[in-house]
Protein backbone atom coordinates (compact mmCIF):
# COMPACT_ATOMS: atom_id res chain seq x y z
CA MET A 1 0.00 0.00 0.00
CA THR A 2 2.03 2.95 -1.25
CA GLU A 3 -0.67 5.51 -2.09
CA ARG A 4 -1.06 8.55 0.12
CA ARG A 5 -2.98 7.50 3.21
CA GLY A 6 -3.21 10.75 5.17
CA VAL A 7 -3.83 9.60 8.75
CA VAL A 8 -4.07 5.87 9.50
CA VAL A 9 -5.75 4.52 12.64
CA GLY A 10 -6.15 1.01 14.00
CA TYR A 11 -9.60 -0.03 15.19
CA ASP A 12 -10.77 -3.26 16.84
CA GLY A 13 -13.94 -2.13 18.62
CA SER A 14 -12.28 -1.69 22.02
CA ARG A 15 -12.78 1.45 24.11
CA GLN A 16 -9.14 2.44 23.59
CA SER A 17 -9.41 2.09 19.82
CA GLU A 18 -12.55 4.27 19.86
CA ALA A 19 -10.50 6.98 21.57
CA ALA A 20 -7.81 6.53 18.91
CA VAL A 21 -10.38 6.93 16.12
CA ARG A 22 -11.71 10.16 17.67
CA TRP A 23 -8.18 11.58 17.95
CA ALA A 24 -7.21 10.45 14.44
CA ALA A 25 -10.40 11.78 12.85
CA GLU A 26 -9.76 15.21 14.32
CA ALA A 27 -6.12 15.09 13.18
CA ALA A 28 -7.20 14.22 9.63
CA ARG A 29 -9.82 16.98 9.62
CA LEU A 30 -7.30 19.58 10.76
CA ARG A 31 -4.82 18.49 8.08
CA GLY A 32 -7.42 18.23 5.33
CA VAL A 33 -6.31 14.66 4.50
CA PRO A 34 -8.17 11.34 4.30
CA LEU A 35 -8.47 8.98 7.23
CA THR A 36 -7.84 5.26 6.77
CA VAL A 37 -9.40 3.02 9.43
CA VAL A 38 -7.65 -0.36 9.57
CA HIS A 39 -8.74 -3.58 11.21
CA ALA A 40 -6.61 -6.73 11.03
CA TRP A 41 -8.01 -10.22 10.93
CA GLU A 42 -6.34 -13.62 10.94
CA MET A 43 -7.79 -16.99 9.96
CA PHE A 44 -7.36 -19.25 12.96
CA SER A 45 -7.71 -22.96 12.56
CA ALA A 46 -10.36 -24.38 14.85
CA VAL A 47 -11.47 -27.89 15.64
CA GLY A 48 -14.59 -29.25 17.24
CA PRO A 49 -18.25 -28.31 17.01
CA MET A 50 -17.60 -24.58 17.81
CA ALA A 51 -15.43 -23.95 14.75
CA ILE A 52 -16.45 -20.72 12.94
CA PRO A 53 -16.51 -20.65 9.11
CA VAL A 54 -13.86 -18.42 7.53
CA ALA A 55 -16.53 -16.45 5.64
CA ASP A 56 -18.23 -15.58 8.92
CA LEU A 57 -14.95 -14.46 10.48
CA ARG A 58 -14.26 -12.18 7.52
CA ALA A 59 -17.79 -10.76 7.56
CA ALA A 60 -17.45 -9.96 11.26
CA ALA A 61 -14.11 -8.27 10.65
CA GLU A 62 -15.58 -6.21 7.81
CA GLU A 63 -18.38 -5.02 10.08
CA VAL A 64 -15.87 -4.00 12.76
CA VAL A 65 -13.79 -1.86 10.41
CA ALA A 66 -16.91 -0.33 8.82
CA GLU A 67 -18.08 0.58 12.31
CA GLY A 68 -14.78 2.35 12.93
CA ALA A 69 -15.10 4.40 9.74
CA ARG A 70 -18.69 5.37 10.64
CA HIS A 71 -17.54 6.41 14.09
CA ALA A 72 -14.85 8.64 12.56
CA ARG A 73 -17.35 10.37 10.29
CA ASP A 74 -19.69 10.92 13.22
CA VAL A 75 -17.08 12.64 15.42
CA ALA A 76 -15.36 14.73 12.72
CA ALA A 77 -17.85 16.14 10.25
CA GLY A 78 -16.57 16.19 6.69
CA VAL A 79 -13.61 13.86 7.23
CA ASP A 80 -13.01 11.47 4.31
CA ALA A 81 -12.88 8.18 6.27
CA HIS A 82 -12.64 4.82 4.56
CA ALA A 83 -12.14 1.30 5.87
CA VAL A 84 -9.35 -1.13 5.06
CA LEU A 85 -9.36 -4.75 6.19
CA GLY A 86 -5.80 -5.94 6.68
CA ARG A 87 -4.80 -9.61 6.68
CA GLY A 88 -2.42 -10.90 9.35
CA GLY A 89 -1.38 -9.56 12.72
CA PRO A 90 -2.27 -5.97 13.68
CA THR A 91 1.33 -4.71 13.67
CA THR A 92 1.99 -6.01 10.16
CA ALA A 93 -1.33 -4.74 8.80
CA LEU A 94 -0.87 -1.26 10.28
CA ILE A 95 2.74 -0.86 9.15
CA GLU A 96 1.71 -1.84 5.63
CA ALA A 97 -1.26 0.54 5.65
CA ALA A 98 0.83 3.44 7.02
CA ALA A 99 3.34 3.47 4.17
CA GLY A 100 3.22 7.05 2.90
CA ALA A 101 0.99 8.23 5.77
CA GLU A 102 1.47 11.40 7.79
CA LEU A 103 0.49 9.80 11.11
CA LEU A 104 -0.28 6.35 12.45
CA VAL A 105 -2.63 6.33 15.47
CA VAL A 106 -3.44 3.44 17.81
CA GLY A 107 -5.10 2.98 21.17
CA SER A 108 -3.07 2.20 24.26
CA ARG A 109 -4.57 -1.29 24.41
CA GLY A 110 -6.62 -3.47 22.13
CA ARG A 111 -8.73 -6.55 22.69
CA GLY A 112 -5.86 -9.00 22.58
CA GLY A 113 -3.16 -9.83 25.12
CA PHE A 114 -3.26 -9.43 28.89
CA THR A 115 -5.83 -6.85 29.95
CA ASP A 116 -3.88 -5.83 33.06
CA LEU A 117 -1.02 -4.46 30.97
CA VAL A 118 -1.04 -0.68 30.59
CA LEU A 119 0.16 -0.69 26.99
CA GLY A 120 -0.35 -3.41 24.41
CA SER A 121 2.49 -4.96 22.45
CA THR A 122 1.16 -3.52 19.18
CA GLY A 123 1.63 0.06 20.38
CA VAL A 124 5.23 -0.61 21.46
CA GLU A 125 6.10 -2.39 18.21
CA LEU A 126 4.60 0.35 16.08
CA ALA A 127 6.37 3.09 18.06
CA ALA A 128 9.65 1.31 17.32
CA HIS A 129 9.06 0.26 13.71
CA GLY A 130 6.35 2.55 12.31
CA PRO A 131 7.09 4.10 8.89
CA CYS A 132 5.79 7.49 10.09
CA PRO A 133 5.20 9.25 13.43
CA VAL A 134 3.10 7.06 15.73
CA VAL A 135 0.54 8.42 18.20
CA VAL A 136 -0.60 6.22 21.08
CA VAL A 137 -3.88 7.42 22.59
CA ARG A 138 -4.94 6.46 26.11
CA GLU A 139 -7.70 9.03 26.31
CA HIS A 140 -9.03 11.53 23.78
CA ARG A 141 -7.70 14.83 25.05
CA VAL A 142 -7.27 17.95 22.91
CA GLU A 143 -6.99 20.67 25.55
CA GLY A 144 -3.65 21.80 26.92
CA PRO A 145 -0.33 22.67 25.31
CA VAL A 146 1.77 20.48 23.08
CA VAL A 147 4.84 19.40 25.07
CA VAL A 148 8.01 18.21 23.35
CA GLY A 149 11.15 16.71 24.88
CA VAL A 150 14.40 17.97 23.38
CA ASP A 151 17.90 16.55 23.78
CA GLY A 152 19.63 17.47 20.52
CA SER A 153 19.30 14.02 18.92
CA ALA A 154 18.15 13.50 15.33
CA ALA A 155 14.90 11.96 16.57
CA ALA A 156 14.28 14.99 18.81
CA GLN A 157 14.59 17.25 15.78
CA GLU A 158 11.85 15.25 14.07
CA ALA A 159 9.81 15.49 17.27
CA LEU A 160 10.18 19.29 17.25
CA GLY A 161 8.88 19.49 13.69
CA LEU A 162 5.87 17.34 14.54
CA ALA A 163 5.19 19.27 17.76
CA PHE A 164 5.19 22.63 15.98
CA THR A 165 2.86 21.27 13.29
CA GLU A 166 0.41 19.92 15.87
CA ALA A 167 0.50 23.14 17.91
CA ARG A 168 -0.17 25.23 14.81
CA LEU A 169 -3.05 23.04 13.63
CA ARG A 170 -4.67 22.96 17.06
CA GLY A 171 -4.04 26.60 17.98
CA ALA A 172 -2.21 25.38 21.08
CA ASP A 173 0.86 26.67 22.89
CA LEU A 174 4.06 24.68 22.64
CA VAL A 175 6.39 23.89 25.54
CA ALA A 176 9.89 22.63 24.69
CA LEU A 177 11.63 20.95 27.62
CA VAL A 178 15.16 19.89 28.46
CA ALA A 179 15.63 17.72 31.54
CA TRP A 180 18.52 18.86 33.73
CA PRO A 181 19.85 16.02 35.93
CA ALA A 182 19.54 16.70 39.64
CA ASP A 183 23.04 15.35 40.31
CA ALA A 184 24.45 18.06 38.04
CA ASP A 185 23.85 20.57 40.85
CA PRO A 186 26.88 20.18 43.16
CA GLY A 187 27.09 20.73 46.89
CA PRO A 188 28.42 23.76 48.77
CA ALA A 189 31.91 23.42 47.26
CA PRO A 190 31.28 22.95 43.54
CA LEU A 191 34.06 21.77 41.26
CA VAL A 192 32.20 23.07 38.20
CA ASP A 193 30.07 26.08 37.43
CA ALA A 194 26.68 24.36 37.64
CA ALA A 195 24.74 27.57 37.12
CA GLY A 196 26.79 28.33 34.04
CA LEU A 197 26.22 24.86 32.62
CA ARG A 198 22.49 25.10 33.23
CA GLU A 199 22.42 28.50 31.51
CA PHE A 200 24.33 26.97 28.61
CA ALA A 201 21.72 24.20 28.37
CA GLY A 202 18.96 26.82 28.22
CA ASP A 203 20.80 28.78 25.52
CA ARG A 204 21.33 25.62 23.49
CA LEU A 205 17.65 24.75 23.76
CA THR A 206 16.77 28.22 22.50
CA ARG A 207 19.12 27.76 19.53
CA ILE A 208 17.69 24.34 18.68
CA VAL A 209 14.12 25.67 18.74
CA ALA A 210 14.91 28.91 16.84
CA PRO A 211 14.63 27.53 13.26
CA TRP A 212 11.23 26.02 14.06
CA ARG A 213 10.04 29.33 15.54
CA GLU A 214 10.90 30.99 12.23
CA LYS A 215 8.95 28.38 10.26
CA HIS A 216 5.92 28.66 12.58
CA PRO A 217 5.83 32.30 13.77
CA ASP A 218 2.18 31.99 14.83
CA VAL A 219 2.92 29.32 17.47
CA ALA A 220 3.42 30.59 21.03
CA VAL A 221 6.53 28.81 22.35
CA ARG A 222 7.99 28.46 25.83
CA THR A 223 11.35 26.81 26.50
CA GLU A 224 12.22 25.37 29.90
CA VAL A 225 15.14 23.62 31.57
CA VAL A 226 13.58 21.45 34.29
CA THR A 227 15.53 19.62 36.99
CA GLY A 228 14.96 15.88 37.17
CA PRO A 229 15.36 12.68 35.14
CA PRO A 230 13.87 12.95 31.62
CA ARG A 231 11.21 10.32 32.31
CA GLN A 232 9.84 12.10 35.38
CA VAL A 233 10.12 15.60 33.89
CA LEU A 234 8.07 14.59 30.85
CA LEU A 235 5.53 12.53 32.79
CA THR A 236 4.89 15.53 35.04
CA ALA A 237 4.50 17.83 32.03
CA ALA A 238 2.10 15.35 30.39
CA LYS A 239 -0.43 15.69 33.23
CA ASP A 240 -1.64 19.03 31.86
CA ALA A 241 -0.71 18.55 28.18
CA GLY A 242 -2.94 17.90 25.22
CA LEU A 243 -0.16 15.98 23.46
CA LEU A 244 3.35 14.85 24.40
CA VAL A 245 5.86 14.50 21.55
CA VAL A 246 9.18 12.67 21.89
CA GLY A 247 11.82 11.14 19.67
CA SER A 248 12.00 7.37 19.42
CA ARG A 249 15.56 7.45 20.74
CA GLY A 250 17.60 10.07 22.54
CA LEU A 251 21.33 10.55 22.97
CA GLY A 252 21.76 8.04 25.80
CA GLY A 253 21.56 4.27 26.04
CA PHE A 254 22.34 1.68 23.39
CA ARG A 255 22.21 3.23 19.93
CA GLY A 256 21.22 -0.05 18.31
CA LEU A 257 17.84 -0.04 20.05
CA LEU A 258 14.91 1.35 18.06
CA LEU A 259 12.94 2.63 21.04
CA GLY A 260 14.60 4.32 24.01
CA SER A 261 13.80 3.65 27.65
CA VAL A 262 12.35 7.15 28.19
CA SER A 263 10.03 6.89 25.17
CA HIS A 264 9.01 3.40 26.25
CA ALA A 265 8.15 4.62 29.77
CA LEU A 266 6.14 7.56 28.45
CA LEU A 267 4.07 5.30 26.19
CA HIS A 268 3.18 3.22 29.24
CA HIS A 269 2.49 5.92 31.79
CA ALA A 270 1.81 9.36 30.26
CA ALA A 271 -1.65 10.75 31.01
CA CYS A 272 -2.11 12.29 27.53
CA PRO A 273 -1.66 10.99 23.97
CA VAL A 274 2.01 10.40 23.13
CA ALA A 275 3.49 10.94 19.66
CA VAL A 276 6.79 9.21 18.81
CA ALA A 277 8.84 10.62 15.94
CA HIS A 278 11.68 8.71 14.32
CA ALA A 279 15.04 9.93 13.11
CA PRO A 280 15.54 9.67 9.32
CA ARG A 281 16.08 6.02 8.46
CA ASP A 282 19.40 6.69 6.72
């Protein structure tokens, strides 16, 4: 599937996927692009008197995805929503459908897996391997600023671009954050100029954000250097945010991993929708 898809959203009839469809439909409406609602189905072999014919399984899956498209049209008037029934597992079907898309949106949990988990495996896999920015929606929230975590990495640059776009489309403020480690503040006899280093971090954040300010002069931007580990700083900021945007991987950790520990934690615990942007594949 290589044609332009606009915004792609996964739907399986669960409460979380309904929230994802509402968020995705609004995102498509704001962008003026089509919305593709995807449901994946697999043909399971069954034995015994309760086996369900394949035709019935497919018909049920078609009704589910059609329901998702109807729901999208109901919540976002005028959005061009159409249904696609993907074959195979949900991760494979959604990655295929999202080729050429602007956003891929999923709920925090679907119908499969262990219901006591906070985030389903599909959301984690898509955040790591998605062909476009991935938004994981726990609840449909549009109020509040767009918050973006910045650390100077290539993925964080992509996150900044996405955050400015979302803030402009939604008429929201944007807050760009750098987490300043608490152990960088020395005791009464400092060996380094901690205040000077913190000021340098703030100046660097301002410089990183400056080109995006020029591209989006109508977005109100606030930059902050906040003391604390990145995970906690961003989780705190997410409590009052309409959207939290992060890069898939920052500057720390093992560079071979596709999804960093901070991004992984935010997907599991942030109170607002989380968008994960990827560094250029090359």
